[in-house]
Protein backbone atom coordinates (compact mmCIF):
# COMPACT_ATOMS: atom_id res chain seq x y z
CA MET A 1 -1.39 -11.34 -29.46
CA LYS A 2 -0.05 -11.26 -33.05
CA SER A 3 -1.96 -10.48 -36.30
CA ASN A 4 -3.02 -14.11 -36.90
CA ASP A 5 -4.53 -14.15 -33.39
CA PHE A 6 -6.44 -11.00 -34.25
CA ALA A 7 -7.73 -12.58 -37.47
CA ARG A 8 -9.09 -15.53 -35.51
CA LEU A 9 -10.61 -13.15 -32.95
CA LYS A 10 -12.20 -11.11 -35.75
CA SER A 11 -13.80 -14.12 -37.36
CA LEU A 12 -15.27 -15.21 -34.02
CA LEU A 13 -16.63 -11.78 -33.21
CA CYS A 14 -18.11 -10.89 -36.59
CA VAL A 15 -21.83 -11.05 -35.74
CA ALA A 16 -25.01 -9.03 -36.20
CA ALA A 17 -25.00 -5.34 -35.39
CA VAL A 18 -26.40 -6.01 -31.93
CA GLY A 19 -23.47 -8.33 -31.09
CA VAL A 20 -19.77 -7.83 -30.61
CA PHE A 21 -18.11 -6.45 -33.72
CA ALA A 22 -14.66 -6.47 -35.31
CA TYR A 23 -13.01 -4.20 -37.84
CA GLY A 24 -14.16 -4.75 -41.42
CA CYS A 25 -17.20 -6.97 -40.65
CA ALA A 26 -20.73 -5.88 -41.55
CA VAL A 27 -23.44 -8.49 -41.92
CA THR A 28 -27.19 -8.70 -41.82
CA SER A 29 -29.08 -11.09 -39.56
CA SER A 30 -29.30 -13.54 -42.49
CA GLY A 31 -25.52 -13.62 -42.85
CA ASP A 32 -25.36 -11.69 -46.17
CA LYS A 33 -23.21 -8.65 -46.60
CA ARG A 34 -25.04 -5.39 -46.01
CA THR A 35 -26.38 -3.80 -49.21
CA SER A 36 -28.85 -1.26 -47.85
CA THR A 37 -27.91 2.33 -47.08
CA PRO A 38 -27.69 3.09 -43.31
CA SER A 39 -30.38 5.40 -42.03
CA ILE A 40 -28.00 7.56 -39.93
CA PRO A 41 -24.99 9.34 -41.52
CA ALA A 42 -21.54 8.23 -40.36
CA ASP A 43 -20.59 11.69 -39.06
CA THR A 44 -23.75 11.77 -36.94
CA MET A 45 -22.91 8.36 -35.43
CA TYR A 46 -19.32 9.52 -34.83
CA ALA A 47 -20.60 12.58 -32.97
CA GLN A 48 -22.88 10.34 -30.88
CA VAL A 49 -19.88 8.20 -29.85
CA LYS A 50 -17.87 11.24 -28.72
CA THR A 51 -20.79 12.88 -26.94
CA ALA A 52 -21.70 9.72 -25.04
CA PHE A 53 -18.08 9.25 -23.93
CA ALA A 54 -17.83 12.84 -22.74
CA LYS A 55 -20.97 12.29 -20.64
CA GLY A 56 -19.66 9.03 -19.20
CA ASP A 57 -22.51 7.05 -20.75
CA TYR A 58 -20.41 3.98 -21.55
CA GLU A 59 -23.31 1.79 -22.66
CA ALA A 60 -24.26 4.40 -25.25
CA VAL A 61 -20.62 4.56 -26.43
CA ASP A 62 -20.57 0.80 -26.96
CA SER A 63 -23.90 0.79 -28.81
CA ALA A 64 -23.08 3.74 -31.08
CA ALA A 65 -19.55 2.49 -31.84
CA ARG A 66 -20.79 -0.98 -32.78
CA ARG A 67 -23.41 0.47 -35.09
CA LEU A 68 -20.97 2.85 -36.75
CA VAL A 69 -18.24 0.33 -37.66
CA THR A 70 -20.84 -2.20 -38.74
CA ASP A 71 -22.75 0.20 -40.99
CA TYR A 72 -19.61 1.98 -42.26
CA PRO A 73 -16.71 -0.53 -42.32
CA GLY A 74 -14.54 1.89 -44.29
CA PHE A 75 -15.11 4.90 -42.02
CA ASP A 76 -11.96 7.04 -42.07
CA ARG A 77 -11.97 7.61 -38.29
CA ALA A 78 -12.65 3.98 -37.37
CA ASP A 79 -9.39 3.69 -35.39
CA GLU A 80 -10.47 6.62 -33.19
CA VAL A 81 -13.91 5.06 -32.72
CA TYR A 82 -12.33 1.79 -31.60
CA MET A 83 -10.01 3.69 -29.25
CA ILE A 84 -12.89 5.61 -27.67
CA ALA A 85 -14.75 2.33 -27.24
CA ALA A 86 -11.64 0.78 -25.63
CA ARG A 87 -11.31 3.69 -23.18
CA SER A 88 -15.01 3.43 -22.43
CA SER A 89 -14.82 -0.31 -21.71
CA ALA A 90 -11.76 0.22 -19.49
CA ALA A 91 -13.58 2.94 -17.56
CA SER A 92 -16.59 0.66 -17.06
CA GLU A 93 -14.25 -2.10 -15.81
CA ASP A 94 -14.86 -4.48 -18.71
CA PRO A 95 -11.31 -5.72 -19.49
CA VAL A 96 -12.44 -8.27 -22.08
CA GLN A 97 -14.13 -5.69 -24.27
CA ALA A 98 -11.41 -3.10 -23.64
CA ALA A 99 -8.75 -5.53 -24.91
CA LYS A 100 -10.82 -6.46 -27.97
CA TYR A 101 -11.39 -2.86 -28.99
CA ALA A 102 -7.75 -1.95 -28.36
CA LEU A 103 -6.57 -4.89 -30.46
CA ALA A 104 -8.79 -3.72 -33.29
CA VAL A 105 -6.66 -0.56 -33.38
CA VAL A 106 -3.33 -2.37 -32.93
CA ASP A 107 -3.76 -4.94 -35.69
CA GLY A 108 -6.26 -3.21 -37.96
CA PHE A 109 -4.50 0.18 -38.16
CA PRO A 110 -0.70 -0.25 -38.03
CA VAL A 111 0.03 3.48 -38.58
CA SER A 112 -2.74 4.84 -36.32
CA PRO A 113 -1.70 7.62 -33.94
CA TYR A 114 -3.65 5.73 -31.27
CA ARG A 115 -1.61 2.54 -31.62
CA GLU A 116 0.66 2.87 -28.57
CA GLU A 117 -2.24 3.90 -26.34
CA ALA A 118 -4.19 0.92 -27.66
CA LEU A 119 -1.29 -1.41 -26.81
CA PHE A 120 -1.24 -0.07 -23.26
CA VAL A 121 -5.01 -0.44 -22.83
CA ALA A 122 -4.80 -3.98 -24.15
CA ALA A 123 -1.95 -4.70 -21.71
CA GLU A 124 -4.01 -3.44 -18.80
CA GLY A 125 -7.00 -5.50 -19.90
CA TYR A 126 -4.94 -8.68 -20.14
CA SER A 127 -3.39 -7.99 -16.73
CA ASP A 128 -6.85 -7.55 -15.17
CA LEU A 129 -7.82 -10.91 -16.66
CA GLY A 130 -4.75 -12.61 -15.18
CA ARG A 131 -3.18 -13.14 -18.62
CA TYR A 132 0.20 -11.72 -17.66
CA TYR A 133 2.26 -13.04 -20.57
CA GLU A 134 -0.06 -11.37 -23.10
CA SER A 135 0.05 -8.19 -21.04
CA ALA A 136 3.86 -8.20 -21.08
CA ASP A 137 3.82 -8.88 -24.81
CA MET A 138 1.73 -5.73 -25.42
CA LEU A 139 4.08 -3.64 -23.25
CA LEU A 140 7.17 -4.92 -25.03
CA ARG A 141 5.64 -4.00 -28.37
CA ILE A 142 5.50 -0.43 -27.06
CA LEU A 143 9.11 -0.54 -25.87
CA THR A 144 10.52 -1.98 -29.11
CA ALA A 145 8.87 0.62 -31.37
CA PRO A 146 9.12 4.41 -31.51
CA SER A 147 7.00 5.80 -28.64
CA THR A 148 6.67 8.96 -26.62
CA PRO A 149 8.90 9.22 -23.51
CA GLU A 150 5.81 9.31 -21.28
CA MET A 151 4.36 6.10 -22.73
CA GLU A 152 7.77 4.39 -22.66
CA GLY A 153 8.04 5.23 -18.96
CA ARG A 154 4.57 3.88 -18.20
CA ALA A 155 5.20 0.70 -20.16
CA PHE A 156 8.64 0.22 -18.56
CA ASN A 157 7.27 0.55 -15.02
CA ALA A 158 4.30 -1.72 -15.73
CA LEU A 159 6.57 -4.37 -17.23
CA LYS A 160 8.95 -4.21 -14.26
CA ALA A 161 6.03 -4.82 -11.91
CA LEU A 162 4.86 -7.79 -14.00
CA SER A 163 8.39 -9.24 -14.13
CA ARG A 164 8.77 -8.99 -10.37
CA GLU A 165 5.34 -10.15 -9.21
CA GLN A 166 3.34 -11.95 -11.88
CA LEU A 167 5.40 -13.55 -14.64
CA GLY A 168 6.63 -17.11 -14.20
CA ILE A 169 10.06 -18.37 -15.17
CA ALA A 170 8.82 -19.88 -18.44
CA ASP A 171 7.14 -16.59 -19.37
CA LEU A 172 10.29 -14.58 -18.67
CA GLU A 173 12.39 -16.98 -20.76
CA ARG A 174 10.00 -16.66 -23.73
CA LEU A 175 9.93 -12.88 -23.52
CA VAL A 176 13.72 -12.56 -23.34
CA VAL A 177 14.02 -14.77 -26.44
CA GLU A 178 11.27 -12.95 -28.37
CA TYR A 179 12.43 -9.44 -27.47
CA PRO A 180 16.23 -9.61 -27.06
CA SER A 181 16.68 -5.96 -28.00
CA SER A 182 14.08 -4.66 -25.56
CA PRO A 183 15.37 -2.03 -23.11
CA LEU A 184 13.94 -4.24 -20.39
CA ALA A 185 15.58 -7.47 -21.59
CA GLY A 186 18.36 -7.02 -19.07
CA GLU A 187 15.87 -6.39 -16.27
CA MET A 188 13.90 -9.50 -17.21
CA SER A 189 17.08 -11.59 -17.36
CA LEU A 190 18.05 -10.39 -13.90
CA ALA A 191 14.56 -11.13 -12.55
CA LEU A 192 14.78 -14.60 -14.07
CA ALA A 193 18.20 -15.19 -12.48
CA LYS A 194 16.84 -14.11 -9.08
CA ARG A 195 13.96 -16.56 -9.42
CA GLU A 196 16.38 -19.41 -10.17
CA PHE A 197 18.61 -18.35 -7.27
CA ALA A 198 15.62 -18.33 -4.90
CA ARG A 199 14.63 -21.82 -6.09
CA GLY A 200 18.12 -23.12 -5.30
CA ASN A 201 19.06 -23.59 -8.97
CA TYR A 202 22.47 -21.96 -8.57
CA ASP A 203 23.85 -23.43 -11.81
CA GLY A 204 20.94 -21.91 -13.71
CA ALA A 205 21.32 -18.56 -11.97
CA TYR A 206 25.07 -18.53 -12.69
CA ARG A 207 24.49 -19.28 -16.38
CA LEU A 208 21.85 -16.57 -16.74
CA LEU A 209 23.95 -13.96 -14.96
CA THR A 210 27.01 -14.75 -17.07
CA GLU A 211 24.96 -14.35 -20.24
CA LEU A 212 23.47 -11.13 -18.88
CA LEU A 213 26.89 -9.54 -18.32
CA TYR A 214 28.02 -10.70 -21.75
CA GLN A 215 25.00 -9.20 -23.51
CA PHE A 216 24.72 -6.08 -21.34
CA PRO A 217 28.23 -5.23 -20.05
CA GLN A 218 27.09 -1.70 -19.20
CA HIS A 219 23.91 -2.81 -17.42
CA ARG A 220 22.84 -0.14 -14.96
CA ARG A 221 22.71 -2.78 -12.20
CA ALA A 222 26.01 -4.44 -13.08
CA PRO A 223 27.36 -4.34 -9.47
CA GLU A 224 24.25 -6.15 -8.27
CA VAL A 225 24.59 -8.71 -11.08
CA ARG A 226 28.24 -9.38 -10.16
CA GLN A 227 27.39 -9.75 -6.47
CA LEU A 228 24.65 -12.27 -7.24
CA LEU A 229 27.03 -14.04 -9.63
CA ARG A 230 29.58 -14.48 -6.83
CA LEU A 231 26.89 -15.73 -4.45
CA SER A 232 25.63 -18.22 -7.05
CA ALA A 233 29.17 -19.56 -7.51
CA ASN A 234 29.73 -19.78 -3.75
CA ARG A 235 26.47 -21.60 -3.10
CA ARG A 236 27.08 -23.94 -6.03
CA ASP A 237 30.56 -24.83 -4.74
CA ASN A 238 29.67 -24.76 -1.00
CA PRO A 239 26.02 -25.83 -0.69
CA ASP A 240 26.15 -26.21 3.12
CA GLU A 241 27.24 -22.62 3.81
CA ARG A 242 24.87 -19.66 4.12
CA TYR A 243 25.27 -16.75 1.71
CA ASP A 244 22.62 -14.03 1.93
CA TYR A 245 22.04 -11.98 -1.18
CA VAL A 246 21.78 -8.40 0.06
CA GLU A 247 21.70 -4.99 -1.60
CA PRO A 248 22.83 -2.52 1.08
CA ASP A 249 20.93 0.42 -0.41
CA LYS A 250 17.57 -1.30 -0.99
CA ILE A 251 14.79 -1.39 1.63
CA GLY A 252 11.79 -3.69 1.32
CA VAL A 253 8.27 -2.52 2.16
CA VAL A 254 5.37 -4.86 2.97
CA LEU A 255 2.00 -3.13 2.63
CA PRO A 256 -1.53 -3.74 1.29
CA ILE A 257 -1.35 -2.58 -2.33
CA THR A 258 -4.59 -4.33 -3.27
CA GLY A 259 -7.59 -5.48 -1.27
CA ASN A 260 -9.92 -3.81 1.21
CA PHE A 261 -7.14 -1.99 3.05
CA SER A 262 -5.23 -0.66 0.04
CA ARG A 263 -5.93 2.97 0.96
CA TYR A 264 -3.92 2.50 4.16
CA GLY A 265 -1.11 1.07 2.07
CA ARG A 266 -1.26 4.15 -0.13
CA TYR A 267 -0.98 6.47 2.89
CA PHE A 268 1.90 4.40 4.26
CA GLU A 269 3.81 4.55 0.97
CA GLN A 270 3.25 8.28 0.62
CA GLY A 271 4.73 8.89 4.06
CA LEU A 272 7.82 6.74 3.55
CA LYS A 273 8.45 8.32 0.13
CA VAL A 274 8.67 11.73 1.81
CA ALA A 275 11.41 10.37 4.09
CA LEU A 276 13.23 8.73 1.19
CA ASP A 277 13.14 11.86 -0.98
CA GLU A 278 14.36 13.92 1.96
CA PHE A 279 17.27 11.53 2.52
CA ASN A 280 18.30 11.21 -1.13
CA GLU A 281 18.20 14.98 -1.65
CA ALA A 282 20.48 15.58 1.34
CA GLY A 283 23.19 12.99 0.67
CA ASP A 284 25.36 11.46 -2.04
CA ALA A 285 24.08 7.90 -1.63
CA VAL A 286 20.80 6.95 -3.29
CA VAL A 287 18.62 4.50 -1.40
CA THR A 288 15.73 2.78 -3.15
CA TYR A 289 12.79 0.75 -1.93
CA VAL A 290 10.78 -2.09 -3.38
CA THR A 291 7.24 -3.03 -2.37
CA ALA A 292 5.47 -6.35 -1.96
CA ASP A 293 1.73 -6.75 -1.56
CA SER A 294 0.41 -8.18 1.72
CA ARG A 295 -3.19 -7.76 0.47
CA GLY A 296 -4.07 -7.20 4.12
CA ASN A 297 -3.78 -10.88 5.08
CA PRO A 298 -1.09 -12.94 6.85
CA ILE A 299 -0.53 -15.56 4.12
CA ASP A 300 0.29 -12.97 1.48
CA ALA A 301 2.38 -11.05 4.01
CA VAL A 302 4.60 -14.13 4.45
CA ASP A 303 4.93 -14.53 0.66
CA ALA A 304 5.76 -10.83 0.39
CA VAL A 305 8.60 -11.13 2.91
CA ARG A 306 10.03 -14.13 1.07
CA THR A 307 10.02 -12.18 -2.18
CA LEU A 308 11.76 -9.21 -0.58
CA ALA A 309 14.29 -11.17 1.46
CA VAL A 310 15.25 -13.87 -1.04
CA GLU A 311 14.61 -12.49 -4.52
CA GLU A 312 15.10 -8.77 -3.97
CA GLY A 313 17.88 -9.02 -1.40
CA VAL A 314 16.68 -6.08 0.70
CA VAL A 315 18.80 -5.01 3.64
CA ALA A 316 15.74 -4.52 5.89
CA VAL A 317 11.93 -4.61 5.76
CA LEU A 318 9.46 -1.89 6.73
CA GLY A 319 5.83 -2.77 7.43
CA SER A 320 3.17 -3.87 7.48
CA VAL A 321 0.13 -1.67 8.11
CA LEU A 322 -2.31 -4.01 9.86
CA ALA A 323 -1.65 -5.97 13.05
CA VAL A 324 -2.19 -9.57 11.91
CA PRO A 325 -0.20 -9.35 8.62
CA THR A 326 2.52 -7.52 10.55
CA VAL A 327 2.86 -10.37 13.04
CA ALA A 328 3.01 -12.91 10.19
CA ALA A 329 5.62 -10.83 8.36
CA ALA A 330 7.60 -10.47 11.60
CA VAL A 331 7.73 -14.25 12.14
CA GLU A 332 8.96 -14.79 8.58
CA CYS A 333 11.55 -11.99 8.81
CA ASN A 334 12.87 -13.39 12.07
CA ALA A 335 13.23 -16.82 10.45
CA SER A 336 14.93 -15.30 7.40
CA ARG A 337 17.31 -13.23 9.57
CA VAL A 338 16.33 -9.88 8.09
CA ALA A 339 15.31 -7.00 10.35
CA ILE A 340 11.71 -5.82 10.12
CA LEU A 341 10.59 -2.50 11.55
CA SER A 342 6.91 -1.94 12.32
CA PRO A 343 6.12 1.76 12.67
CA VAL A 344 2.31 1.59 12.68
CA PRO A 345 0.79 1.97 16.16
CA THR A 346 -0.37 -1.33 17.61
CA SER A 347 -0.89 -2.58 21.13
CA GLN A 348 0.66 -5.91 20.22
CA ARG A 349 4.28 -6.27 21.28
CA ILE A 350 5.50 -7.71 18.00
CA ASP A 351 9.10 -7.00 18.97
CA GLU A 352 8.78 -10.00 21.28
CA VAL A 353 8.60 -12.31 18.22
CA GLY A 354 12.38 -12.45 17.99
CA PRO A 355 15.69 -10.56 17.79
CA TRP A 356 15.11 -9.40 14.21
CA VAL A 357 11.77 -7.69 14.94
CA PHE A 358 11.40 -4.05 16.02
CA GLN A 359 8.72 -1.37 16.35
CA THR A 360 9.00 2.42 16.59
CA LYS A 361 5.70 2.90 18.34
CA VAL A 362 5.95 3.76 22.00
CA SER A 363 4.02 0.93 23.64
CA SER A 364 0.42 1.44 24.68
CA GLU A 365 1.41 0.56 28.24
CA ILE A 366 3.60 3.66 28.28
CA GLU A 367 0.66 5.72 27.03
CA VAL A 368 -1.51 4.27 29.82
CA SER A 369 1.14 5.13 32.42
CA ALA A 370 1.35 8.68 31.10
CA MET A 371 -2.42 9.16 31.23
CA ALA A 372 -2.65 7.75 34.76
CA ARG A 373 0.07 10.17 35.86
CA VAL A 374 -1.64 13.19 34.25
CA ALA A 375 -5.05 12.27 35.69
CA ARG A 376 -3.73 11.85 39.23
CA GLU A 377 -0.94 14.44 39.44
CA ASP A 378 -2.09 17.21 37.12
CA LEU A 379 -5.88 16.94 37.18
CA LEU A 380 -6.06 15.58 40.78
CA ILE A 381 -8.83 13.13 39.86
CA GLU A 382 -9.59 10.49 42.50
CA ARG A 383 -12.55 8.43 41.21
CA PHE A 384 -12.29 6.59 37.87
CA ALA A 385 -14.38 4.32 35.67
CA VAL A 386 -13.13 2.09 32.84
CA LEU A 387 -14.98 0.91 29.71
CA ALA A 388 -13.24 -1.48 27.28
CA ALA A 389 -13.96 -4.19 24.72
CA ALA A 390 -14.01 -7.61 26.38
CA ASN A 391 -11.45 -10.31 25.62
CA THR A 392 -9.19 -8.06 23.53
CA GLU A 393 -5.89 -6.25 23.85
CA LYS A 394 -7.96 -3.25 24.97
CA GLN A 395 -9.15 -5.23 27.99
CA LYS A 396 -5.53 -5.80 28.98
CA LEU A 397 -4.84 -2.08 28.69
CA ALA A 398 -7.87 -1.37 30.86
CA GLU A 399 -6.50 -3.71 33.53
CA TYR A 400 -3.12 -2.01 33.28
CA PHE A 401 -4.78 1.40 33.73
CA ILE A 402 -6.56 0.16 36.87
CA LYS A 403 -3.23 -1.06 38.24
CA GLU A 404 -1.55 2.28 37.50
CA ILE A 405 -4.37 4.31 39.06
CA THR A 406 -4.53 2.28 42.25
CA SER A 407 -0.74 2.38 42.63
CA ARG A 408 -1.01 6.19 42.55
CA GLY A 409 -3.73 6.28 45.23
CA GLY A 410 -6.76 6.59 42.94
CA ILE A 411 -9.99 4.59 43.16
CA VAL A 412 -11.65 2.71 40.31
CA VAL A 413 -15.39 2.76 41.10
CA ALA A 414 -16.71 1.06 37.94
CA THR A 415 -15.30 -1.40 35.41
CA GLU A 416 -17.54 -2.23 32.44
CA SER A 417 -17.01 -4.05 29.15
CA TYR A 418 -18.72 -4.51 25.81
CA GLN A 419 -18.40 -6.88 22.86
CA THR A 420 -16.61 -5.83 19.70
CA GLY A 421 -19.25 -4.70 17.22
CA ASP A 422 -21.74 -3.49 19.83
CA SER A 423 -23.56 -0.25 19.09
CA ASP A 424 -25.78 0.11 22.18
CA PHE A 425 -23.91 1.00 25.40
CA ARG A 426 -26.89 2.04 27.51
CA GLU A 427 -26.53 -0.60 30.21
CA GLN A 428 -22.81 0.03 30.76
CA LEU A 429 -23.17 3.81 30.77
CA GLU A 430 -26.03 3.80 33.27
CA LEU A 431 -23.99 1.65 35.66
CA ILE A 432 -21.02 3.98 35.27
CA ARG A 433 -23.21 7.03 35.90
CA ASP A 434 -24.60 5.46 39.07
CA ALA A 435 -21.05 4.93 40.38
CA ALA A 436 -20.39 8.70 40.06
CA PRO A 437 -16.79 8.68 38.81
CA GLU A 438 -14.93 11.87 37.92
CA ALA A 439 -13.21 10.41 34.86
CA LEU A 440 -13.80 7.62 32.33
CA PHE A 441 -10.94 5.80 30.60
CA ILE A 442 -11.85 4.21 27.21
CA PRO A 443 -9.10 2.42 25.25
CA GLY A 444 -11.41 2.17 22.22
CA GLU A 445 -10.99 2.57 18.49
CA PRO A 446 -12.25 5.75 16.76
CA GLU A 447 -15.02 3.81 15.01
CA GLU A 448 -16.32 2.60 18.37
CA LEU A 449 -16.06 6.04 19.92
CA ILE A 450 -18.09 7.61 17.11
CA LEU A 451 -20.99 5.40 18.26
CA MET A 452 -20.26 5.64 21.98
CA LEU A 453 -19.64 9.35 22.59
CA PRO A 454 -23.14 10.60 21.64
CA GLN A 455 -24.58 8.07 24.09
CA ILE A 456 -22.27 9.32 26.85
CA SER A 457 -23.65 12.78 26.20
CA PHE A 458 -27.25 11.53 26.02
CA TYR A 459 -27.03 9.79 29.41
CA ASP A 460 -25.60 12.99 30.85
CA LEU A 461 -22.29 11.68 32.14
CA GLN A 462 -20.59 14.89 33.22
CA ILE A 463 -17.19 13.29 33.20
CA GLN A 464 -13.56 13.75 32.15
CA LEU A 465 -12.83 11.52 29.14
CA ILE A 466 -9.41 9.86 28.94
CA GLY A 467 -8.13 7.96 25.89
CA LEU A 468 -5.05 6.82 24.00
CA SER A 469 -3.19 8.24 20.99
CA ASN A 470 -5.63 6.73 18.49
CA TRP A 471 -8.11 9.39 19.67
CA ASN A 472 -5.95 11.87 17.78
CA SER A 473 -8.09 11.29 14.70
CA ASP A 474 -9.37 13.90 12.26
CA LYS A 475 -12.38 11.72 11.49
CA LEU A 476 -13.25 11.27 15.16
CA LEU A 477 -12.97 15.00 15.83
CA ARG A 478 -15.02 15.88 12.77
CA LEU A 479 -17.88 13.53 13.66
CA SER A 480 -17.81 13.88 17.46
CA GLN A 481 -16.47 17.37 18.03
CA GLN A 482 -18.96 18.43 20.68
CA GLU A 483 -18.82 15.16 22.64
CA LEU A 484 -14.99 15.18 22.64
CA GLU A 485 -14.75 18.64 24.20
CA GLY A 486 -12.39 18.45 27.18
CA ALA A 487 -11.08 14.94 26.41
CA ILE A 488 -7.38 14.25 27.03
CA PHE A 489 -5.17 11.69 25.31
CA PRO A 490 -1.49 11.29 24.40
CA GLY A 491 -0.07 12.40 21.10
CA GLU A 492 1.10 9.63 18.81
CA ALA A 493 4.61 8.75 19.93
CA LEU A 494 7.07 7.39 17.38
CA HIS A 495 10.81 7.05 17.74
CA GLY A 496 12.47 10.17 16.36
CA LYS A 497 9.29 12.22 16.29
CA ASP A 498 9.76 15.68 17.74
CA ARG A 499 8.04 18.97 17.01
CA GLU A 500 10.57 20.15 14.41
CA SER A 501 10.77 16.89 12.45
CA TYR A 502 6.99 16.51 12.50
CA THR A 503 6.42 20.07 11.29
CA ASN A 504 8.89 19.54 8.44
CA PHE A 505 7.18 16.29 7.50
CA LEU A 506 3.74 17.92 7.42
CA ALA A 507 5.01 20.67 5.11
CA ARG A 508 6.66 18.26 2.67
CA TYR A 509 3.75 15.84 2.69
CA ARG A 510 1.13 18.50 2.01
CA ASP A 511 3.29 19.97 -0.72
CA ALA A 512 3.53 16.55 -2.40
CA TYR A 513 0.05 15.13 -1.79
CA GLY A 514 -2.17 17.84 -0.27
CA GLY A 515 -5.09 17.20 2.05
CA GLU A 516 -5.12 15.78 5.56
CA VAL A 517 -2.15 13.80 6.82
CA HIS A 518 -3.27 10.33 7.86
CA PRO A 519 -1.53 8.85 10.95
CA VAL A 520 -0.45 5.85 8.86
CA ALA A 521 1.46 8.23 6.57
CA THR A 522 3.20 9.70 9.63
CA SER A 523 4.16 6.21 10.77
CA GLY A 524 5.57 5.37 7.34
CA TYR A 525 7.66 8.52 7.37
CA PHE A 526 9.25 7.98 10.79
CA GLY A 527 9.76 4.26 10.18
CA MET A 528 11.60 4.82 6.91
CA ARG A 529 13.52 7.69 8.51
CA LEU A 530 14.94 5.36 11.16
CA LEU A 531 16.01 2.71 8.62
CA LEU A 532 17.67 5.41 6.53
CA GLN A 533 19.48 6.61 9.63
CA SER A 534 21.00 3.14 10.04
CA ILE A 535 22.33 3.33 6.46
CA ALA A 536 23.61 6.87 7.02
CA GLU A 537 25.56 5.65 10.06
CA GLY A 538 27.29 2.94 8.03
CA ALA A 539 25.11 -0.17 8.14
CA VAL A 540 25.76 -2.17 4.95
CA ASP A 541 24.33 -5.57 5.83
CA ARG A 542 21.41 -7.07 7.70
CA ILE A 543 23.28 -7.73 10.92
CA GLN A 544 24.47 -4.12 11.15
CA VAL A 545 20.94 -2.80 10.56
CA ARG A 546 19.62 -5.12 13.26
CA ASP A 547 22.32 -4.02 15.72
CA PHE A 548 21.52 -0.36 15.03
CA LEU A 549 17.80 -0.87 15.63
CA ASP A 550 18.49 -2.86 18.77
CA LYS A 551 20.61 -0.03 20.17
CA GLU A 552 18.04 2.62 19.25
CA LEU A 553 14.81 0.90 20.26
CA ASN A 554 15.43 -1.71 22.94
CA VAL A 555 15.78 0.58 25.92
CA SER A 556 15.63 -0.22 29.61
CA ALA A 557 12.57 -0.06 31.85
CA GLU A 558 13.90 3.20 33.32
CA GLN A 559 14.18 4.68 29.84
CA ARG A 560 10.60 3.65 29.05
CA MET A 561 9.37 5.40 32.16
CA LEU A 562 11.26 8.50 31.04
CA GLU A 563 9.46 8.24 27.70
CA ALA A 564 6.16 8.07 29.56
CA SER A 565 6.96 11.21 31.55
CA SER A 566 7.92 13.14 28.41
CA LEU A 567 5.02 11.96 26.25
CA SER A 568 3.09 14.88 24.78
CA ILE A 569 -0.52 15.13 26.01
CA LEU A 570 -3.31 16.57 23.88
CA ASN A 571 -6.64 18.11 24.81
CA VAL A 572 -9.76 19.03 22.84
CA ARG A 573 -10.56 22.68 23.49
CA SER A 574 -13.02 24.84 21.56
CA GLY A 575 -13.44 22.07 18.99
CA LYS A 576 -9.72 21.71 18.22
CA ILE A 577 -6.95 19.37 19.33
CA ARG A 578 -4.38 21.36 21.27
CA GLU A 579 -1.46 20.83 23.62
CA PHE A 580 -2.64 20.03 27.13
CA THR A 581 -1.84 22.46 29.97
CA THR A 582 -2.54 22.06 33.69
CA SER A 583 -4.26 25.47 33.74
CA LEU A 584 -7.34 23.78 32.31
CA ARG A 585 -8.65 23.09 35.82
CA GLU A 586 -8.28 26.66 36.95
CA PRO A 587 -11.27 29.05 36.93
């Protein structure tokens, strides 16, 4: 928004003191300019604004700031008042008002020390409103004027994200023309060329890339530009042949950045960043990653894969975090002939989607086999009961457990089910108690177990509890510590996870982020670690990455049984999760 836009905005917003205000406007309710002396001194009002902001009373900030600039249009700290009001509106998630206040600083006070912060707040407000061009315009005004290194970095990163995910081709073209000397002009030109390449406009991509190399011969991504230039020429001259645009040192990541499951995406990214930092510190090559937002749903997951595979030219994809978006991403990756690696534990065999789809998680069937073996051979249990959610993957695992137990000479005396979302398990538990089993196998989720375990205790089932690796949950242990006492379950099994590597990961993660280590972060770490291993061993294109993953992960049935026999088993003892030992049954 330029100064003439601000003038129009100011004329629209110049209302009575109780309304929205703009710099330099002070009117009475009759429309005449104020002539009476304000009843409260300006310094007192200024102090009220600062005090209210410090207390987090954002309504009071807005009210006091409006009154101050209306009663004292020439106040010498008006730019600071507007900036405090802008911060307050941003904190109260009012992007419209935040942008208006920030623009009052930008266009009303050209030499204000708050100007670059105001530009950034305005950019964030516009972005929240879906006005991405205006947001980019604010950021470029920061980058084309003297700014602090910290603010330049923030603006640069925000503009890169907008260029990659939000700005259309027409917007990018306008911005490149309006800000040709911007330090991000080359990045925007490259993003624009990638968009044209993805659309099949190879002549347009070739023209843009040629101009980019002419204007920025020392562009930091010149090798990538030249590679895409060659591909554009090849596709233009040979439209029937397939030429994949691939950067051998760039990995794509599909994860929920926004939406209800964004916290899992944050854990996932934290874990994979630990692996990437570890790899880049140890070697000469520098591998980067680029993210795309699945928003936790399959449609956006497909769009994310297309962005990564076509526009970004990633050599492989890691993700996603949730089962359904992961399946959707896997189908799209398989169609696009780019390997996708799913490291997050799931009972779904997504690697069956096609030859370009892989998962690091040891299958739940292997976990079931391991638990059946421990129950029969180590604990010498003979009588079992099973409780699982009906018509789900968990029901299939329950059936597999029954098959494994009976093949080992055990007896299943009760098989009960419940509906997903149930909270009352009285009927099932009473039937299980009447059958007098020695052990109960529950392939349930931690959220279900938090409701179920107290009821198992209440109905006095003196029974050995058996679960799967998702029982290894800090939340479950914290909320059901007493009821979990004695329970056994496998440790989370991921390809490449051993005691030493896991211990090193925990140390690095806690040093970087602190707090508890979420299992999703662990999955992100070991998934990224495996993809980095493929690059370390010489994979430079998508086929070579796929062949490496196929060799590492697609093992024989005999090898899977070996994995089952070596799977670590955990046990809750004295309120803590510990390694399981057979001495537990001894007096």
